[in-house]
C-alpha atoms as a PDB file:
ATOM      1  CA  MET A   1      -9.821 226.991 -42.469  1.00  0.00           C
ATOM      2  CA  SER A   2     -10.769 227.428 -38.833  1.00  0.00           C
ATOM      3  CA  SER A   3     -14.317 228.170 -37.785  1.00  0.00           C
ATOM      4  CA  ALA A   4     -16.177 229.656 -34.859  1.00  0.00           C
ATOM      5  CA  THR A   5     -19.374 228.307 -33.370  1.00  0.00           C
ATOM      6  CA  MET A   6     -22.435 230.497 -33.070  1.00  0.00           C
ATOM      7  CA  SER A   7     -25.752 229.641 -31.450  1.00  0.00           C
ATOM      8  CA  VAL A   8     -28.893 231.058 -33.050  1.00  0.00           C
ATOM      9  CA  ARG A   9     -32.452 230.922 -31.711  1.00  0.00           C
ATOM     10  CA  LEU A  10     -35.128 230.352 -34.334  1.00  0.00           C
ATOM     11  CA  GLU A  11     -38.802 229.560 -34.150  1.00  0.00           C
ATOM     12  CA  PRO A  12     -39.179 225.793 -34.710  1.00  0.00           C
ATOM     13  CA  GLU A  13     -41.150 226.190 -37.955  1.00  0.00           C
ATOM     14  CA  VAL A  14     -38.574 228.670 -39.306  1.00  0.00           C
ATOM     15  CA  LYS A  15     -35.732 226.244 -38.496  1.00  0.00           C
ATOM     16  CA  LYS A  16     -37.553 223.359 -40.189  1.00  0.00           C
ATOM     17  CA  SER A  17     -38.322 225.411 -43.320  1.00  0.00           C
ATOM     18  CA  LEU A  18     -34.740 226.715 -43.507  1.00  0.00           C
ATOM     19  CA  GLU A  19     -33.304 223.209 -43.171  1.00  0.00           C
ATOM     20  CA  GLN A  20     -35.650 221.935 -45.890  1.00  0.00           C
ATOM     21  CA  LEU A  21     -34.796 224.794 -48.259  1.00  0.00           C
ATOM     22  CA  CYS A  22     -31.051 224.416 -47.730  1.00  0.00           C
ATOM     23  CA  SER A  23     -31.309 220.653 -48.235  1.00  0.00           C
ATOM     24  CA  GLU A  24     -33.127 221.187 -51.530  1.00  0.00           C
ATOM     25  CA  MET A  25     -30.368 223.602 -52.547  1.00  0.00           C
ATOM     26  CA  GLY A  26     -27.747 220.989 -51.664  1.00  0.00           C
ATOM     27  CA  MET A  27     -26.064 222.814 -48.825  1.00  0.00           C
ATOM     28  CA  PRO A  28     -26.078 222.715 -45.037  1.00  0.00           C
ATOM     29  CA  VAL A  29     -27.680 225.578 -43.111  1.00  0.00           C
ATOM     30  CA  SER A  30     -24.246 226.683 -41.900  1.00  0.00           C
ATOM     31  CA  THR A  31     -23.115 227.265 -45.504  1.00  0.00           C
ATOM     32  CA  ALA A  32     -26.254 229.291 -46.268  1.00  0.00           C
ATOM     33  CA  LEU A  33     -25.737 231.404 -43.143  1.00  0.00           C
ATOM     34  CA  ASN A  34     -22.090 231.983 -44.101  1.00  0.00           C
ATOM     35  CA  VAL A  35     -23.184 233.142 -47.573  1.00  0.00           C
ATOM     36  CA  CYS A  36     -25.737 235.508 -45.998  1.00  0.00           C
ATOM     37  CA  ALA A  37     -23.226 236.814 -43.436  1.00  0.00           C
ATOM     38  CA  LYS A  38     -20.620 237.524 -46.119  1.00  0.00           C
ATOM     39  CA  ALA A  39     -23.212 239.300 -48.276  1.00  0.00           C
ATOM     40  CA  MET A  40     -24.194 241.452 -45.286  1.00  0.00           C
ATOM     41  CA  ILE A  41     -20.571 242.335 -44.628  1.00  0.00           C
ATOM     42  CA  ARG A  42     -19.952 243.233 -48.301  1.00  0.00           C
ATOM     43  CA  SER A  43     -23.016 245.480 -48.492  1.00  0.00           C
ATOM     44  CA  TRP A  44     -22.766 246.644 -44.866  1.00  0.00           C
ATOM     45  CA  GLY A  45     -26.453 245.825 -44.444  1.00  0.00           C
ATOM     46  CA  PHE A  46     -29.028 243.274 -45.420  1.00  0.00           C
ATOM     47  CA  PRO A  47     -28.537 241.838 -48.916  1.00  0.00           C
ATOM     48  CA  PHE A  48     -32.285 242.093 -49.466  1.00  0.00           C
ATOM     49  CA  ALA A  49     -35.087 244.539 -48.735  1.00  0.00           C
ATOM     50  CA  VAL A  50     -36.399 244.371 -45.179  1.00  0.00           C
ATOM     51  CA  LYS A  51     -40.097 245.169 -45.243  1.00  0.00           C
ATOM     52  CA  GLY A  52     -42.957 245.087 -42.799  1.00  0.00           C
ATOM     53  CA  ASP A  53     -45.570 242.370 -42.700  1.00  0.00           C
ATOM     54  CA  ILE A  54     -48.541 242.450 -44.985  1.00  0.00           C
ATOM     55  CA  PRO A  55     -51.380 244.444 -43.442  1.00  0.00           C
ATOM     56  CA  ASN A  56     -53.894 242.659 -41.246  1.00  0.00           C
ATOM     57  CA  GLU A  57     -57.433 242.241 -42.592  1.00  0.00           C
ATOM     58  CA  GLU A  58     -58.794 245.407 -40.932  1.00  0.00           C
ATOM     59  CA  THR A  59     -56.042 247.558 -42.415  1.00  0.00           C
ATOM     60  CA  ALA A  60     -56.332 245.824 -45.795  1.00  0.00           C
ATOM     61  CA  GLN A  61     -60.087 246.524 -45.836  1.00  0.00           C
ATOM     62  CA  SER A  62     -59.484 250.188 -44.966  1.00  0.00           C
ATOM     63  CA  MET A  63     -56.991 250.419 -47.829  1.00  0.00           C
ATOM     64  CA  ARG A  64     -59.475 248.848 -50.272  1.00  0.00           C
ATOM     65  CA  ASP A  65     -62.234 251.189 -49.035  1.00  0.00           C
ATOM     66  CA  THR A  66     -59.991 254.211 -49.540  1.00  0.00           C
ATOM     67  CA  LEU A  67     -59.075 253.178 -53.082  1.00  0.00           C
ATOM     68  CA  GLU A  68     -62.755 252.585 -53.864  1.00  0.00           C
ATOM     69  CA  GLY A  69     -63.920 255.769 -52.108  1.00  0.00           C
ATOM     70  CA  LYS A  70     -66.100 253.812 -49.653  1.00  0.00           C
ATOM     71  CA  ASN A  71     -66.721 254.397 -45.937  1.00  0.00           C
ATOM     72  CA  LEU A  72     -64.812 257.671 -45.882  1.00  0.00           C
ATOM     73  CA  SER A  73     -65.684 260.240 -43.255  1.00  0.00           C
ATOM     74  CA  ARG A  74     -65.347 263.125 -45.737  1.00  0.00           C
ATOM     75  CA  THR A  75     -64.132 263.698 -49.251  1.00  0.00           C
ATOM     76  CA  PHE A  76     -62.655 266.848 -50.704  1.00  0.00           C
ATOM     77  CA  ASP A  77     -62.343 268.142 -54.235  1.00  0.00           C
ATOM     78  CA  SER A  78     -59.040 269.869 -53.553  1.00  0.00           C
ATOM     79  CA  VAL A  79     -56.250 270.154 -51.019  1.00  0.00           C
ATOM     80  CA  ASP A  80     -57.319 273.742 -50.285  1.00  0.00           C
ATOM     81  CA  GLU A  81     -60.819 272.505 -49.451  1.00  0.00           C
ATOM     82  CA  MET A  82     -59.335 269.898 -47.112  1.00  0.00           C
ATOM     83  CA  TRP A  83     -57.155 272.472 -45.326  1.00  0.00           C
ATOM     84  CA  GLU A  84     -60.092 274.833 -45.010  1.00  0.00           C
ATOM     85  CA  ASP A  85     -62.083 272.066 -43.331  1.00  0.00           C
ATOM     86  CA  LEU A  86     -59.186 271.081 -41.044  1.00  0.00           C
ATOM     87  CA  ASN A  87     -58.621 274.682 -39.931  1.00  0.00           C
ATOM     88  CA  ALA A  88     -62.316 275.339 -39.244  1.00  0.00           C
END
């Protein structure tokens, strides 16, 4: 089977981790990338969920505060009460 060469730029730590993982799985990186490419072609997209990064500490703290009802500017007992306040 013939093959084509492709050059890919990766961050050094990503390359090292990928090489280590593939080695532990008993395959070269090129085989792993071929598997991923074929899965993408079959599904016509990523074969896994693509999600954003975890929130930074400031956002995470704001989320915890909201869940705990802390440090909120206002609270409302109903949606109507909230809209009334917003339209005032």
